[in-house]
Amino acid sequence: KRSVTMPNQVRRVVTFNDTAGKAVISSDSRVASHPGKRGDVHVTDLWMTDGSPPTLNGADPLGSIPVLPVKNGATFRVMEIGAHTDPHMHYTGTLDYIIVLEGVLEMKLGDGSKVTMKEGDFMVQRGTVHGWANPTDRPTRFATVILDAGGGFFEA
């Protein structure tokens, strides 16, 4: 495997309504990625909700976003996977919305089957044993919204 050089930042814009009810930008900044569990994966945490229903006010959660959402919560992040990365098989009891932004993303399922997605493809991942891979010569970047479904996490 090659060493991975990933984009280090994602632009993140957050809006809210001020005390007069006027829509304003509360934050427009670059958010740095951090290494995932493996050196060939980088994660940029963007937002989380801390229960149901989501609120439209409150503190910015940046800096305290867990790997999986809290009970009844959601996590929004960008994942970056280096070239020629094998799948890391795991289970998350979550409902995940995935959007491939750049490159090719391969998902291997617990039964050994695979699905290959390219830029602009979307997936709904519903609590399966799975692993993300990148079989190509260039990095892959995808966005994901992860919704708690009460199922936890384990290595497969």
Protein backbone atom coordinates (compact mmCIF):
# COMPACT_ATOMS: atom_id res chain seq x y z
CA LYS A 1 0.00 0.00 0.00
CA ARG A 2 1.01 3.57 -0.62
CA SER A 3 1.16 6.33 1.94
CA VAL A 4 -1.97 8.41 1.89
CA THR A 5 -2.15 12.14 1.26
CA MET A 6 -5.70 13.33 1.71
CA PRO A 7 -7.29 16.75 1.52
CA ASN A 8 -6.89 18.13 5.03
CA GLN A 9 -9.88 20.46 5.19
CA VAL A 10 -13.53 20.78 4.22
CA ARG A 11 -15.43 24.07 4.10
CA ARG A 12 -18.35 24.05 6.56
CA VAL A 13 -21.05 26.73 6.60
CA VAL A 14 -23.60 26.83 9.45
CA THR A 15 -26.68 29.07 9.57
CA PHE A 16 -29.13 30.06 12.31
CA ASN A 17 -31.76 32.67 13.14
CA ASP A 18 -30.62 35.53 15.38
CA THR A 19 -32.72 36.95 18.23
CA ALA A 20 -34.60 39.17 15.75
CA GLY A 21 -35.49 36.11 13.64
CA LYS A 22 -33.11 37.11 10.84
CA ALA A 23 -31.30 34.29 8.99
CA VAL A 24 -27.53 34.66 9.41
CA ILE A 25 -24.31 32.72 8.96
CA SER A 26 -23.01 31.63 12.35
CA SER A 27 -19.89 29.91 11.03
CA ASP A 28 -18.02 29.72 7.73
CA SER A 29 -14.76 27.91 8.27
CA ARG A 30 -12.43 25.14 7.17
CA VAL A 31 -12.68 21.95 9.25
CA ALA A 32 -9.60 19.75 9.46
CA SER A 33 -9.73 16.01 8.90
CA HIS A 34 -8.23 13.55 11.35
CA PRO A 35 -6.93 10.01 10.89
CA GLY A 36 -9.48 7.24 11.30
CA LYS A 37 -8.72 3.92 12.97
CA ARG A 38 -6.41 3.13 10.05
CA GLY A 39 -3.84 5.43 8.44
CA ASP A 40 -5.42 5.03 4.99
CA VAL A 41 -8.72 6.59 6.17
CA HIS A 42 -9.35 10.20 7.18
CA VAL A 43 -12.51 11.64 8.75
CA THR A 44 -13.89 15.18 8.78
CA ASP A 45 -16.66 15.57 11.34
CA LEU A 46 -19.15 18.26 10.34
CA TRP A 47 -22.20 18.10 12.64
CA MET A 48 -24.17 15.97 15.05
CA THR A 49 -27.54 16.00 16.73
CA ASP A 50 -27.79 14.78 20.29
CA GLY A 51 -31.26 13.28 20.33
CA SER A 52 -34.69 13.43 18.80
CA PRO A 53 -36.09 15.71 17.61
CA PRO A 54 -33.19 17.85 16.36
CA THR A 55 -33.11 21.44 17.60
CA LEU A 56 -32.50 24.58 15.57
CA ASN A 57 -30.56 26.37 18.31
CA GLY A 58 -27.89 25.49 20.82
CA ALA A 59 -24.14 25.12 20.81
CA ASP A 60 -22.07 24.11 17.80
CA PRO A 61 -21.08 20.46 18.44
CA LEU A 62 -17.81 20.64 16.50
CA GLY A 63 -14.97 19.19 18.54
CA SER A 64 -17.10 16.72 20.49
CA ILE A 65 -18.52 14.49 17.74
CA PRO A 66 -18.37 10.75 18.58
CA VAL A 67 -17.70 7.97 16.06
CA LEU A 68 -21.31 6.79 16.20
CA PRO A 69 -24.30 9.01 16.90
CA VAL A 70 -25.73 9.19 20.40
CA LYS A 71 -29.12 7.60 21.15
CA ASN A 72 -31.66 8.98 18.66
CA GLY A 73 -28.95 11.24 17.22
CA ALA A 74 -27.24 11.72 13.87
CA THR A 75 -23.69 12.37 12.70
CA PHE A 76 -22.65 14.12 9.47
CA ARG A 77 -19.10 13.61 8.17
CA VAL A 78 -16.85 13.25 5.14
CA MET A 79 -14.71 10.12 4.84
CA GLU A 80 -11.59 9.88 2.68
CA ILE A 81 -10.07 6.52 1.77
CA GLY A 82 -6.62 6.13 0.26
CA ALA A 83 -5.81 4.28 -2.97
CA HIS A 84 -5.74 0.47 -2.88
CA THR A 85 -7.44 0.23 0.52
CA ASP A 86 -8.89 -3.11 1.57
CA PRO A 87 -12.24 -3.23 3.41
CA HIS A 88 -12.30 -3.11 7.21
CA MET A 89 -15.30 -5.32 8.01
CA HIS A 90 -17.58 -4.08 10.79
CA TYR A 91 -21.22 -3.75 11.84
CA THR A 92 -22.98 -0.54 12.78
CA GLY A 93 -26.59 -0.66 13.95
CA THR A 94 -27.26 2.58 12.11
CA LEU A 95 -29.07 3.86 9.04
CA ASP A 96 -26.43 5.52 6.84
CA TYR A 97 -26.92 7.79 3.84
CA ILE A 98 -23.80 7.75 1.63
CA ILE A 99 -22.96 10.07 -1.29
CA VAL A 100 -19.80 9.43 -3.31
CA LEU A 101 -18.14 12.80 -3.98
CA GLU A 102 -14.87 11.75 -5.65
CA GLY A 103 -13.39 8.49 -6.88
CA VAL A 104 -14.68 4.93 -6.59
CA LEU A 105 -16.10 3.39 -3.42
CA GLU A 106 -16.51 -0.34 -3.05
CA MET A 107 -18.67 -1.82 -0.33
CA LYS A 108 -18.12 -5.44 0.65
CA LEU A 109 -20.95 -7.11 2.55
CA GLY A 110 -20.74 -9.83 5.17
CA ASP A 111 -21.79 -12.50 2.66
CA GLY A 112 -18.81 -11.64 0.42
CA SER A 113 -20.80 -9.73 -2.21
CA LYS A 114 -19.60 -6.32 -3.38
CA VAL A 115 -21.12 -3.21 -4.89
CA THR A 116 -19.03 -0.56 -6.63
CA MET A 117 -20.12 3.07 -6.58
CA LYS A 118 -18.70 6.06 -8.44
CA GLU A 119 -18.94 9.84 -8.15
CA GLY A 120 -22.55 10.94 -7.86
CA ASP A 121 -23.86 7.57 -6.63
CA PHE A 122 -25.99 7.31 -3.48
CA MET A 123 -26.52 4.46 -1.01
CA VAL A 124 -28.75 3.73 1.95
CA GLN A 125 -26.91 1.32 4.26
CA ARG A 126 -29.22 -0.32 6.78
CA GLY A 127 -27.34 -2.00 9.61
CA THR A 128 -25.33 -4.60 7.70
CA VAL A 129 -21.91 -6.14 8.22
CA HIS A 130 -19.85 -4.19 5.70
CA GLY A 131 -16.46 -2.73 4.83
CA TRP A 132 -15.44 0.19 2.62
CA ALA A 133 -12.66 -0.29 0.06
CA ASN A 134 -10.97 1.73 -2.65
CA PRO A 135 -9.64 -0.50 -5.44
CA THR A 136 -8.29 2.39 -7.55
CA ASP A 137 -5.06 4.42 -7.84
CA ARG A 138 -6.58 7.62 -6.46
CA PRO A 139 -8.25 8.59 -3.17
CA THR A 140 -12.01 8.29 -2.68
CA ARG A 141 -14.12 10.84 -0.81
CA PHE A 142 -17.70 10.33 0.34
CA ALA A 143 -20.17 12.11 2.62
CA THR A 144 -22.26 10.20 5.10
CA VAL A 145 -25.12 10.96 7.45
CA ILE A 146 -25.33 8.30 10.16
CA LEU A 147 -28.60 7.91 12.08
CA ASP A 148 -28.79 5.95 15.33
CA ALA A 149 -30.95 2.83 14.99
CA GLY A 150 -30.09 1.33 18.38
CA GLY A 151 -27.77 -1.39 17.11
CA GLY A 152 -24.28 -0.46 18.32
CA PHE A 153 -20.95 -1.39 16.71
CA PHE A 154 -18.68 -4.43 16.46
CA GLU A 155 -15.71 -5.60 14.42
CA ALA A 156 -16.69 -8.38 12.04
